[in-house]
């Protein structure tokens, strides 16, 4: 594990939604953008968490990269769950929720055939030095 991370719910920087604290039930009804790098679908990493609360999210759009999300969120009335380490961003702001999203581990993985590669070994050592405490 490199580090522990948590998604933050974001909305447009100038949204009136920033004026209140939202329940998960209210958030589930809002139009949501998700990031799905592997395939364009309308299923996100927090769907199971919402389902455990008896809720289904209103996912209306999927993009393949976190870098695209702030431009879209900043120009629409959608929300999104976004890694906290990618904030701040001038186009979006954090929506206040009455509960925190689950944390998750960020890991690094590699194919076993590269375990003796000097470049690969160097890169893993740099990542460890930066993130592993």
Protein backbone atom coordinates (compact mmCIF):
# COMPACT_ATOMS: atom_id res chain seq x y z
CA UNK A 1 0.00 0.00 0.00
CA UNK A 2 1.28 3.45 -0.90
CA UNK A 3 -1.27 5.46 1.07
CA UNK A 4 -4.85 5.62 2.24
CA UNK A 5 -7.20 7.87 0.30
CA UNK A 6 -10.78 9.08 0.49
CA UNK A 7 -13.16 10.44 -2.12
CA UNK A 8 -14.68 13.86 -1.56
CA UNK A 9 -18.00 14.86 -3.09
CA UNK A 10 -17.44 17.83 -5.43
CA UNK A 11 -19.68 20.30 -7.21
CA UNK A 12 -19.14 23.47 -9.24
CA UNK A 13 -17.19 26.12 -7.32
CA UNK A 14 -20.08 28.62 -7.51
CA UNK A 15 -22.92 26.18 -6.84
CA UNK A 16 -25.66 27.09 -4.38
CA UNK A 17 -25.37 23.48 -3.16
CA UNK A 18 -22.32 24.54 -1.15
CA UNK A 19 -24.55 26.41 1.30
CA UNK A 20 -25.86 23.35 3.16
CA UNK A 21 -24.90 19.93 4.50
CA UNK A 22 -26.30 17.05 2.46
CA UNK A 23 -27.55 13.65 3.56
CA UNK A 24 -26.62 10.56 1.55
CA UNK A 25 -30.26 10.20 0.53
CA UNK A 26 -30.23 13.72 -0.93
CA UNK A 27 -26.88 13.14 -2.64
CA UNK A 28 -28.11 9.89 -4.21
CA UNK A 29 -30.84 11.82 -6.05
CA UNK A 30 -28.46 14.42 -7.53
CA UNK A 31 -27.13 13.96 -11.08
CA UNK A 32 -23.72 12.34 -10.77
CA UNK A 33 -20.65 11.92 -12.96
CA UNK A 34 -18.41 8.92 -12.34
CA UNK A 35 -14.89 8.07 -13.46
CA UNK A 36 -14.65 4.65 -15.05
CA UNK A 37 -11.18 4.17 -16.61
CA UNK A 38 -11.71 0.65 -17.88
CA UNK A 39 -15.04 1.01 -19.66
CA UNK A 40 -17.77 3.52 -20.26
CA UNK A 41 -20.57 2.39 -18.00
CA UNK A 42 -22.79 3.97 -15.42
CA UNK A 43 -21.47 2.05 -12.41
CA UNK A 44 -19.12 3.60 -9.90
CA UNK A 45 -16.90 2.58 -7.03
CA UNK A 46 -19.35 3.93 -4.43
CA UNK A 47 -22.44 2.13 -5.72
CA UNK A 48 -22.04 -0.70 -3.20
CA UNK A 49 -21.62 1.78 -0.33
CA UNK A 50 -24.83 3.57 -1.34
CA UNK A 51 -26.62 0.21 -1.74
CA UNK A 52 -25.66 -0.73 1.83
CA UNK A 53 -27.58 2.37 2.91
CA UNK A 54 -30.56 1.27 0.79
CA UNK A 55 -29.86 3.92 -1.85
CA UNK A 56 -29.26 3.95 -5.61
CA UNK A 57 -27.27 6.79 -7.14
CA UNK A 58 -28.46 8.91 -10.06
CA UNK A 59 -25.44 8.41 -12.33
CA UNK A 60 -25.92 10.23 -15.63
CA UNK A 61 -22.41 10.38 -17.12
CA UNK A 62 -19.15 8.45 -17.15
CA UNK A 63 -15.69 9.72 -18.11
CA UNK A 64 -12.45 7.69 -18.40
CA UNK A 65 -10.19 9.99 -16.37
CA UNK A 66 -10.21 12.03 -13.17
CA UNK A 67 -8.59 14.89 -15.09
CA UNK A 68 -11.80 15.39 -17.12
CA UNK A 69 -14.13 15.54 -14.13
CA UNK A 70 -13.48 19.11 -12.84
CA UNK A 71 -14.14 20.69 -16.27
CA UNK A 72 -17.48 18.90 -16.57
CA UNK A 73 -18.53 19.37 -12.93
CA UNK A 74 -17.52 23.04 -13.04
CA UNK A 75 -19.74 23.65 -16.06
CA UNK A 76 -22.81 21.64 -15.01
CA UNK A 77 -25.07 20.98 -12.05
CA UNK A 78 -23.67 17.46 -11.54
CA UNK A 79 -21.66 16.20 -8.59
CA UNK A 80 -18.90 13.61 -8.45
CA UNK A 81 -16.85 11.67 -5.94
CA UNK A 82 -13.24 12.71 -6.44
CA UNK A 83 -9.94 11.72 -4.76
CA UNK A 84 -9.10 14.21 -2.02
CA UNK A 85 -5.42 14.35 -3.06
CA UNK A 86 -6.44 15.86 -6.41
CA UNK A 87 -7.91 18.91 -4.68
CA UNK A 88 -7.91 21.87 -4.56
CA UNK A 89 -9.05 22.61 -8.10
CA UNK A 90 -10.23 26.08 -9.13
CA UNK A 91 -13.31 24.73 -10.95
CA UNK A 92 -14.83 22.70 -8.11
CA UNK A 93 -15.42 22.75 -4.37
CA UNK A 94 -16.24 20.13 -1.76
CA UNK A 95 -19.87 19.49 -0.99
CA UNK A 96 -20.59 19.08 2.73
CA UNK A 97 -21.94 15.61 3.53
CA UNK A 98 -23.37 14.42 6.83
CA UNK A 99 -21.17 11.30 6.61
CA UNK A 100 -17.73 10.45 5.29
CA UNK A 101 -17.12 8.18 2.35
CA UNK A 102 -15.20 4.95 3.00
CA UNK A 103 -11.42 5.14 2.76
CA UNK A 104 -9.51 2.99 0.29
CA UNK A 105 -5.91 1.89 -0.21
CA UNK A 106 -3.84 3.10 -3.14
CA UNK A 107 -1.39 0.42 -4.18
CA UNK A 108 1.24 -0.09 -6.82
CA UNK A 109 1.32 -3.31 -8.78
CA UNK A 110 3.59 -4.68 -11.45
CA UNK A 111 4.11 -7.77 -13.53
CA UNK A 112 6.55 -10.31 -12.04
CA UNK A 113 8.73 -10.25 -15.18
CA UNK A 114 9.82 -6.70 -14.29
CA UNK A 115 10.97 -7.44 -10.73
CA UNK A 116 14.66 -7.46 -11.80
CA UNK A 117 14.49 -4.39 -14.03
CA UNK A 118 16.84 -1.67 -12.65
CA UNK A 119 14.47 1.07 -13.79
CA UNK A 120 11.52 -0.66 -12.19
CA UNK A 121 13.41 -1.26 -8.92
CA UNK A 122 14.46 2.41 -8.87
CA UNK A 123 10.88 3.59 -9.43
CA UNK A 124 9.49 1.35 -6.66
CA UNK A 125 12.13 2.66 -4.24
CA UNK A 126 11.20 6.27 -5.09
CA UNK A 127 7.50 5.54 -4.52
CA UNK A 128 8.27 3.88 -1.18
CA UNK A 129 10.36 6.87 -0.11
CA UNK A 130 7.51 9.24 -0.97
CA UNK A 131 4.53 7.36 0.40
CA UNK A 132 5.37 4.50 2.75
CA UNK A 133 5.73 5.63 6.35
